[in-house]
Structures are given as C-alpha cells and as structure tokens.
C-alpha cells in the first residue's frame, strides 16, 4: 500500500521474464494483493515477455481459485493463450486437475475445444493424460 501511495507503477514488469506485480501475486495466490493491484489499475491481461503467460493463466495453473475469481471479475480473457505453446487457462487448469478453476472458466465462456498451438492438445486431452477424472 505504501509503495502504491507513492505512485509505484502497477504495470511495470521486471526485465528477465516480463512479469508484472499482478502476475507475481497471481502466481503465488496472494488474492488480497491481486485485488489491491487491480483496484489501482493493473492490466489484467498483460502477458509476460518470455512465454506470453497472463495472470489468469498462472493462477489457473496453480489452482488459486480466489485469484482466478478476482481476475475473471475484472475482465481477464478466458481464452487468451500463451505465446509459446498456445496453452489457455482452461488447458492449464485441466492439466493440473483444478476442478474448481475449470468450472469457473467454463462458466465465463472458456472454449472447451481450443487446442494448443504446438501439438493440438485440448483441455480434455490434458485432463485425460494426467488421470483427472473429475475434470
């Protein structure tokens, strides 16, 4: 809060991978920090510069349901895919078996058949390959 009160840049990314503060907080599941950053104008869809990962894709991959909920409420793109392999948030959540996240993404219109760009795998394939019967 103190840094933001002194106009710290919420969309400034570190230079190695291009991760923003919102991406970092989303990756670690810090929902209170995510809410604060979004309230200060953080770009909910700003991708990293390395693989084009978004805050929603990393939160979905790690199963951070509270963070996913906040990002979706602020308009995060449910079908935005990573730039390297074309993995969507739904693909990542399905691959890792995060059923609650899968349900949230589907409820917001995630494309259940959007394949990855490198090998054409779908969310169903990823869930099946990893034995996630509930997904």
N, C-alpha and C. Protein backbone atom coordinates (compact mmCIF):
# COMPACT_ATOMS: atom_id res chain seq x y z
N UNK A 1 0.82 -1.20 0.00
CA UNK A 1 0.00 0.00 0.00
C UNK A 1 0.86 1.26 0.00
N UNK A 2 1.92 1.24 0.77
CA UNK A 2 2.78 2.42 0.85
C UNK A 2 3.44 2.73 -0.49
N UNK A 3 3.89 1.71 -1.17
CA UNK A 3 4.51 1.92 -2.48
C UNK A 3 3.50 2.46 -3.49
N UNK A 4 2.30 1.91 -3.46
CA UNK A 4 1.26 2.38 -4.38
C UNK A 4 0.83 3.80 -4.05
N UNK A 5 0.86 4.15 -2.78
CA UNK A 5 0.52 5.52 -2.38
C UNK A 5 1.53 6.52 -2.93
N UNK A 6 2.73 6.04 -3.22
CA UNK A 6 3.77 6.90 -3.80
C UNK A 6 3.88 6.68 -5.32
N UNK A 7 2.81 6.20 -5.91
CA UNK A 7 2.67 6.05 -7.35
C UNK A 7 3.63 5.03 -7.99
N UNK A 8 3.85 3.92 -7.29
CA UNK A 8 4.62 2.83 -7.89
C UNK A 8 3.87 2.32 -9.12
N UNK A 9 4.59 2.02 -10.17
CA UNK A 9 3.97 1.59 -11.43
C UNK A 9 3.42 0.17 -11.35
N UNK A 10 2.10 0.03 -11.39
CA UNK A 10 1.50 -1.29 -11.25
C UNK A 10 1.69 -2.17 -12.48
N UNK A 11 2.00 -1.58 -13.62
CA UNK A 11 2.18 -2.36 -14.83
C UNK A 11 3.64 -2.47 -15.27
N UNK A 12 4.55 -1.98 -14.44
CA UNK A 12 5.97 -2.11 -14.78
C UNK A 12 6.41 -3.55 -14.55
N UNK A 13 7.07 -4.13 -15.53
CA UNK A 13 7.49 -5.52 -15.46
C UNK A 13 8.99 -5.61 -15.22
N UNK A 14 9.37 -6.69 -14.53
CA UNK A 14 10.81 -6.94 -14.39
C UNK A 14 11.34 -7.36 -15.75
N UNK A 15 12.64 -7.24 -15.95
CA UNK A 15 13.19 -7.35 -17.31
C UNK A 15 13.56 -8.76 -17.75
N UNK A 16 13.75 -9.70 -16.84
CA UNK A 16 14.18 -11.03 -17.27
C UNK A 16 13.07 -11.81 -17.99
N UNK A 17 11.87 -11.82 -17.39
CA UNK A 17 10.76 -12.58 -17.96
C UNK A 17 9.55 -11.71 -18.31
N UNK A 18 9.58 -10.46 -17.89
CA UNK A 18 8.47 -9.56 -18.15
C UNK A 18 7.28 -9.75 -17.24
N UNK A 19 7.54 -10.21 -16.03
CA UNK A 19 6.46 -10.43 -15.06
C UNK A 19 6.10 -9.13 -14.36
N UNK A 20 4.82 -8.85 -14.28
CA UNK A 20 4.33 -7.66 -13.58
C UNK A 20 4.04 -8.02 -12.12
N UNK A 21 3.84 -7.02 -11.27
CA UNK A 21 3.43 -7.31 -9.90
C UNK A 21 2.15 -8.15 -9.84
N UNK A 22 1.19 -7.88 -10.74
CA UNK A 22 -0.05 -8.66 -10.75
C UNK A 22 0.22 -10.11 -11.10
N UNK A 23 1.09 -10.35 -12.07
CA UNK A 23 1.45 -11.72 -12.43
C UNK A 23 2.10 -12.42 -11.24
N UNK A 24 3.03 -11.75 -10.57
CA UNK A 24 3.72 -12.35 -9.43
C UNK A 24 2.75 -12.71 -8.31
N UNK A 25 1.85 -11.80 -7.99
CA UNK A 25 0.87 -12.05 -6.93
C UNK A 25 -0.09 -13.17 -7.33
N UNK A 26 -0.48 -13.20 -8.60
CA UNK A 26 -1.39 -14.24 -9.10
C UNK A 26 -0.74 -15.61 -9.04
N UNK A 27 0.53 -15.66 -9.38
CA UNK A 27 1.28 -16.92 -9.39
C UNK A 27 1.38 -17.52 -8.00
N UNK A 28 1.48 -16.68 -6.99
CA UNK A 28 1.65 -17.15 -5.61
C UNK A 28 0.34 -17.25 -4.84
N UNK A 29 -0.77 -16.84 -5.46
CA UNK A 29 -2.07 -16.97 -4.80
C UNK A 29 -2.39 -15.90 -3.79
N UNK A 30 -1.76 -14.74 -3.91
CA UNK A 30 -1.99 -13.64 -2.97
C UNK A 30 -3.20 -12.82 -3.40
N UNK A 31 -4.40 -13.30 -3.06
CA UNK A 31 -5.63 -12.69 -3.56
C UNK A 31 -5.83 -11.26 -3.06
N UNK A 32 -5.41 -10.94 -1.85
CA UNK A 32 -5.55 -9.57 -1.35
C UNK A 32 -4.66 -8.60 -2.14
N UNK A 33 -3.47 -9.03 -2.47
CA UNK A 33 -2.56 -8.20 -3.27
C UNK A 33 -3.12 -8.05 -4.69
N UNK A 34 -3.66 -9.13 -5.25
CA UNK A 34 -4.27 -9.07 -6.57
C UNK A 34 -5.39 -8.04 -6.59
N UNK A 35 -6.26 -8.09 -5.59
CA UNK A 35 -7.38 -7.14 -5.51
C UNK A 35 -6.87 -5.70 -5.41
N UNK A 36 -5.85 -5.48 -4.60
CA UNK A 36 -5.29 -4.14 -4.44
C UNK A 36 -4.70 -3.63 -5.76
N UNK A 37 -3.94 -4.46 -6.44
CA UNK A 37 -3.32 -4.06 -7.71
C UNK A 37 -4.37 -3.79 -8.78
N UNK A 38 -5.38 -4.63 -8.85
CA UNK A 38 -6.45 -4.41 -9.82
C UNK A 38 -7.18 -3.10 -9.52
N UNK A 39 -7.36 -2.81 -8.24
CA UNK A 39 -8.00 -1.56 -7.85
C UNK A 39 -7.19 -0.33 -8.22
N UNK A 40 -5.89 -0.51 -8.39
CA UNK A 40 -5.00 0.59 -8.78
C UNK A 40 -4.74 0.63 -10.28
N UNK A 41 -5.48 -0.17 -11.03
CA UNK A 41 -5.38 -0.10 -12.49
C UNK A 41 -4.44 -1.07 -13.16
N UNK A 42 -4.04 -2.13 -12.47
CA UNK A 42 -3.17 -3.12 -13.11
C UNK A 42 -3.88 -3.73 -14.32
N UNK A 43 -3.13 -3.96 -15.38
CA UNK A 43 -3.66 -4.56 -16.61
C UNK A 43 -3.86 -6.05 -16.38
N UNK A 44 -5.12 -6.47 -16.34
CA UNK A 44 -5.47 -7.84 -16.01
C UNK A 44 -4.99 -8.84 -17.07
N UNK A 45 -4.74 -8.37 -18.28
CA UNK A 45 -4.35 -9.27 -19.37
C UNK A 45 -2.91 -9.08 -19.85
N UNK A 46 -2.10 -8.31 -19.14
CA UNK A 46 -0.73 -8.06 -19.60
C UNK A 46 0.08 -9.35 -19.54
N UNK A 47 0.57 -9.82 -20.70
CA UNK A 47 1.33 -11.07 -20.72
C UNK A 47 2.80 -10.85 -20.35
N UNK A 48 3.43 -11.94 -19.94
CA UNK A 48 4.87 -11.89 -19.71
C UNK A 48 5.56 -11.79 -21.07
N UNK A 49 6.80 -11.33 -21.08
CA UNK A 49 7.50 -11.18 -22.35
C UNK A 49 8.20 -12.47 -22.79
N UNK A 50 8.32 -13.44 -21.90
CA UNK A 50 9.01 -14.67 -22.29
C UNK A 50 8.09 -15.65 -23.02
N UNK A 51 7.00 -16.08 -22.39
CA UNK A 51 6.11 -17.06 -22.99
C UNK A 51 4.68 -16.55 -23.18
N UNK A 52 4.46 -15.28 -22.88
CA UNK A 52 3.13 -14.71 -23.05
C UNK A 52 2.11 -15.20 -22.05
N UNK A 53 2.57 -15.56 -20.87
CA UNK A 53 1.66 -16.02 -19.82
C UNK A 53 0.94 -14.83 -19.20
N UNK A 54 -0.32 -15.01 -18.84
CA UNK A 54 -1.10 -13.94 -18.22
C UNK A 54 -1.31 -14.26 -16.74
N UNK A 55 -1.73 -13.25 -15.97
CA UNK A 55 -2.06 -13.54 -14.57
C UNK A 55 -3.09 -14.67 -14.43
N UNK A 56 -4.09 -14.70 -15.32
CA UNK A 56 -5.11 -15.75 -15.24
C UNK A 56 -4.52 -17.12 -15.57
N UNK A 57 -3.62 -17.19 -16.54
CA UNK A 57 -3.06 -18.49 -16.89
C UNK A 57 -2.23 -19.06 -15.74
N UNK A 58 -1.46 -18.22 -15.05
CA UNK A 58 -0.65 -18.75 -13.96
C UNK A 58 -1.50 -19.09 -12.74
N UNK A 59 -2.50 -18.28 -12.45
CA UNK A 59 -3.39 -18.58 -11.32
C UNK A 59 -4.16 -19.87 -11.59
N UNK A 60 -4.58 -20.07 -12.83
CA UNK A 60 -5.30 -21.29 -13.20
C UNK A 60 -4.40 -22.51 -13.09
N UNK A 61 -3.18 -22.39 -13.54
CA UNK A 61 -2.22 -23.50 -13.49
C UNK A 61 -1.96 -23.94 -12.06
N UNK A 62 -1.91 -22.97 -11.15
CA UNK A 62 -1.59 -23.29 -9.76
C UNK A 62 -2.83 -23.52 -8.89
N UNK A 63 -4.02 -23.41 -9.48
CA UNK A 63 -5.24 -23.69 -8.74
C UNK A 63 -5.63 -22.66 -7.70
N UNK A 64 -5.25 -21.42 -7.91
CA UNK A 64 -5.57 -20.35 -6.96
C UNK A 64 -6.98 -19.81 -7.24
N UNK A 65 -7.98 -20.48 -6.69
CA UNK A 65 -9.37 -20.17 -7.02
C UNK A 65 -9.77 -18.75 -6.66
N UNK A 66 -9.34 -18.24 -5.52
CA UNK A 66 -9.71 -16.87 -5.14
C UNK A 66 -9.12 -15.85 -6.12
N UNK A 67 -7.92 -16.09 -6.54
CA UNK A 67 -7.27 -15.20 -7.50
C UNK A 67 -7.97 -15.29 -8.85
N UNK A 68 -8.27 -16.49 -9.30
CA UNK A 68 -8.97 -16.67 -10.57
C UNK A 68 -10.30 -15.92 -10.54
N UNK A 69 -11.02 -16.06 -9.45
CA UNK A 69 -12.31 -15.38 -9.30
C UNK A 69 -12.17 -13.86 -9.44
N UNK A 70 -11.17 -13.29 -8.79
CA UNK A 70 -10.94 -11.84 -8.85
C UNK A 70 -10.54 -11.40 -10.26
N UNK A 71 -9.67 -12.15 -10.89
CA UNK A 71 -9.22 -11.80 -12.24
C UNK A 71 -10.39 -11.86 -13.23
N UNK A 72 -11.21 -12.89 -13.12
CA UNK A 72 -12.37 -13.00 -14.00
C UNK A 72 -13.35 -11.86 -13.77
N UNK A 73 -13.53 -11.46 -12.52
CA UNK A 73 -14.43 -10.36 -12.20
C UNK A 73 -13.94 -9.04 -12.79
N UNK A 74 -12.65 -8.95 -13.05
CA UNK A 74 -12.07 -7.74 -13.64
C UNK A 74 -11.83 -7.88 -15.15
N UNK A 75 -12.45 -8.87 -15.76
CA UNK A 75 -12.42 -8.98 -17.22
C UNK A 75 -11.25 -9.73 -17.83
N UNK A 76 -10.59 -10.59 -17.07
CA UNK A 76 -9.48 -11.36 -17.64
C UNK A 76 -9.97 -12.21 -18.81
N UNK A 77 -9.17 -12.28 -19.84
CA UNK A 77 -9.53 -13.04 -21.04
C UNK A 77 -9.41 -14.54 -20.82
N UNK A 78 -10.55 -15.24 -20.83
CA UNK A 78 -10.55 -16.67 -20.54
C UNK A 78 -9.93 -17.51 -21.66
N UNK A 79 -9.88 -16.97 -22.86
CA UNK A 79 -9.32 -17.74 -23.98
C UNK A 79 -7.98 -17.21 -24.47
N UNK A 80 -7.35 -16.32 -23.71
CA UNK A 80 -6.02 -15.84 -24.09
C UNK A 80 -5.01 -16.96 -23.88
N UNK A 81 -4.31 -17.30 -24.93
CA UNK A 81 -3.35 -18.40 -24.87
C UNK A 81 -1.93 -17.87 -24.75
N UNK A 82 -1.06 -18.69 -24.18
CA UNK A 82 0.35 -18.32 -24.09
C UNK A 82 0.93 -18.23 -25.50
N UNK A 83 1.97 -17.43 -25.66
CA UNK A 83 2.54 -17.24 -26.99
C UNK A 83 3.42 -18.40 -27.43
N UNK A 84 4.00 -19.13 -26.50
CA UNK A 84 4.92 -20.19 -26.91
C UNK A 84 4.20 -21.47 -27.34
N UNK A 85 3.29 -21.99 -26.52
CA UNK A 85 2.63 -23.25 -26.84
C UNK A 85 1.13 -23.11 -27.08
N UNK A 86 0.60 -21.93 -26.85
CA UNK A 86 -0.83 -21.72 -27.06
C UNK A 86 -1.71 -22.34 -26.00
N UNK A 87 -1.21 -22.42 -24.78
CA UNK A 87 -1.99 -23.01 -23.68
C UNK A 87 -2.94 -21.96 -23.10
N UNK A 88 -4.21 -22.31 -23.01
CA UNK A 88 -5.20 -21.42 -22.41
C UNK A 88 -5.26 -21.67 -20.90
N UNK A 89 -5.87 -20.75 -20.17
CA UNK A 89 -6.09 -21.01 -18.74
C UNK A 89 -6.85 -22.32 -18.49
N UNK A 90 -7.84 -22.62 -19.34
CA UNK A 90 -8.60 -23.86 -19.18
C UNK A 90 -7.71 -25.08 -19.40
N UNK A 91 -6.84 -25.02 -20.39
CA UNK A 91 -5.91 -26.13 -20.62
C UNK A 91 -5.04 -26.35 -19.39
N UNK A 92 -4.50 -25.27 -18.84
CA UNK A 92 -3.60 -25.39 -17.69
C UNK A 92 -4.32 -25.94 -16.46
N UNK A 93 -5.52 -25.44 -16.19
CA UNK A 93 -6.29 -25.93 -15.04
C UNK A 93 -6.67 -27.39 -15.23
N UNK A 94 -7.03 -27.77 -16.45
CA UNK A 94 -7.40 -29.16 -16.75
C UNK A 94 -6.20 -30.08 -16.59
N UNK A 95 -5.06 -29.64 -17.07
CA UNK A 95 -3.83 -30.43 -17.00
C UNK A 95 -3.44 -30.71 -15.55
N UNK A 96 -3.66 -29.73 -14.68
CA UNK A 96 -3.26 -29.86 -13.28
C UNK A 96 -4.37 -30.42 -12.38
N UNK A 97 -5.58 -30.61 -12.94
CA UNK A 97 -6.67 -31.20 -12.17
C UNK A 97 -7.39 -30.26 -11.23
N UNK A 98 -7.39 -28.98 -11.52
CA UNK A 98 -8.04 -27.99 -10.66
C UNK A 98 -9.51 -27.82 -11.07
N UNK A 99 -10.34 -28.72 -10.56
CA UNK A 99 -11.75 -28.79 -10.95
C UNK A 99 -12.50 -27.49 -10.70
N UNK A 100 -12.29 -26.86 -9.55
CA UNK A 100 -13.00 -25.61 -9.24
C UNK A 100 -12.65 -24.52 -10.24
N UNK A 101 -11.39 -24.44 -10.60
CA UNK A 101 -10.96 -23.44 -11.58
C UNK A 101 -11.56 -23.75 -12.95
N UNK A 102 -11.56 -25.02 -13.33
CA UNK A 102 -12.16 -25.43 -14.60
C UNK A 102 -13.62 -24.98 -14.65
N UNK A 103 -14.36 -25.21 -13.58
CA UNK A 103 -15.78 -24.81 -13.54
C UNK A 103 -15.93 -23.30 -13.69
N UNK A 104 -15.08 -22.53 -13.01
CA UNK A 104 -15.15 -21.07 -13.12
C UNK A 104 -14.89 -20.60 -14.55
N UNK A 105 -13.87 -21.16 -15.16
CA UNK A 105 -13.51 -20.75 -16.52
C UNK A 105 -14.60 -21.12 -17.52
N UNK A 106 -15.16 -22.31 -17.38
CA UNK A 106 -16.25 -22.72 -18.27
C UNK A 106 -17.47 -21.81 -18.07
N UNK A 107 -17.71 -21.42 -16.83
CA UNK A 107 -18.83 -20.53 -16.53
C UNK A 107 -18.67 -19.15 -17.16
N UNK A 108 -17.43 -18.78 -17.47
CA UNK A 108 -17.16 -17.48 -18.11
C UNK A 108 -16.96 -17.61 -19.62
N UNK A 109 -17.27 -18.79 -20.15
CA UNK A 109 -17.23 -18.95 -21.60
C UNK A 109 -15.93 -19.46 -22.19
N UNK A 110 -15.09 -20.10 -21.40
CA UNK A 110 -13.84 -20.65 -21.94
C UNK A 110 -14.16 -21.68 -23.03
N UNK A 111 -13.37 -21.66 -24.08
CA UNK A 111 -13.55 -22.57 -25.22
C UNK A 111 -13.01 -23.95 -24.84
N UNK A 112 -13.91 -24.90 -24.67
CA UNK A 112 -13.55 -26.24 -24.22
C UNK A 112 -12.74 -27.01 -25.26
N UNK A 113 -12.79 -26.59 -26.51
CA UNK A 113 -12.09 -27.30 -27.58
C UNK A 113 -10.89 -26.54 -28.16
N UNK A 114 -10.49 -25.43 -27.55
CA UNK A 114 -9.36 -24.68 -28.08
C UNK A 114 -8.07 -25.47 -27.88
N UNK A 115 -7.42 -25.87 -28.97
CA UNK A 115 -6.20 -26.68 -28.85
C UNK A 115 -4.95 -25.82 -28.62
N UNK A 116 -3.92 -26.47 -28.13
CA UNK A 116 -2.63 -25.80 -28.03
C UNK A 116 -2.08 -25.62 -29.45
N UNK A 117 -1.18 -24.67 -29.62
CA UNK A 117 -0.67 -24.39 -30.96
C UNK A 117 0.51 -25.27 -31.34
N UNK A 118 1.17 -25.87 -30.36
CA UNK A 118 2.35 -26.67 -30.70
C UNK A 118 1.99 -28.09 -31.13
N UNK A 119 1.03 -28.73 -30.44
CA UNK A 119 0.70 -30.11 -30.78
C UNK A 119 -0.79 -30.41 -30.85
N UNK A 120 -1.62 -29.39 -30.74
CA UNK A 120 -3.06 -29.56 -30.92
C UNK A 120 -3.79 -30.23 -29.78
N UNK A 121 -3.19 -30.28 -28.60
CA UNK A 121 -3.85 -30.91 -27.46
C UNK A 121 -4.98 -30.03 -26.93
N UNK A 122 -6.06 -30.66 -26.53
CA UNK A 122 -7.21 -29.94 -25.96
C UNK A 122 -7.21 -30.08 -24.44
N UNK A 123 -8.02 -29.28 -23.76
CA UNK A 123 -8.14 -29.45 -22.31
C UNK A 123 -8.55 -30.87 -21.90
N UNK A 124 -9.45 -31.50 -22.66
CA UNK A 124 -9.86 -32.87 -22.35
C UNK A 124 -8.69 -33.83 -22.46
N UNK A 125 -7.87 -33.65 -23.49
CA UNK A 125 -6.69 -34.49 -23.65
C UNK A 125 -5.77 -34.34 -22.44
N UNK A 126 -5.53 -33.09 -22.02
CA UNK A 126 -4.63 -32.83 -20.90
C UNK A 126 -5.15 -33.45 -19.61
N UNK A 127 -6.44 -33.33 -19.37
CA UNK A 127 -7.03 -33.92 -18.16
C UNK A 127 -6.95 -35.45 -18.22
N UNK A 128 -7.23 -36.01 -19.38
CA UNK A 128 -7.21 -37.47 -19.55
C UNK A 128 -5.80 -38.02 -19.39
N UNK A 129 -4.84 -37.36 -19.99
CA UNK A 129 -3.45 -37.80 -19.93
C UNK A 129 -2.94 -37.84 -18.49
N UNK A 130 -3.44 -36.94 -17.67
CA UNK A 130 -2.96 -36.84 -16.29
C UNK A 130 -3.89 -37.51 -15.28
N UNK A 131 -4.90 -38.22 -15.76
CA UNK A 131 -5.76 -39.01 -14.89
C UNK A 131 -6.75 -38.21 -14.06
N UNK A 132 -7.12 -37.02 -14.51
CA UNK A 132 -8.03 -36.17 -13.75
C UNK A 132 -9.47 -36.45 -14.16
N UNK A 133 -10.05 -37.50 -13.60
CA UNK A 133 -11.38 -37.95 -13.97
C UNK A 133 -12.46 -36.92 -13.62
N UNK A 134 -12.26 -36.14 -12.56
CA UNK A 134 -13.26 -35.15 -12.16
C UNK A 134 -13.31 -33.96 -13.10
N UNK A 135 -12.22 -33.72 -13.80
CA UNK A 135 -12.18 -32.60 -14.74
C UNK A 135 -12.92 -32.99 -15.99
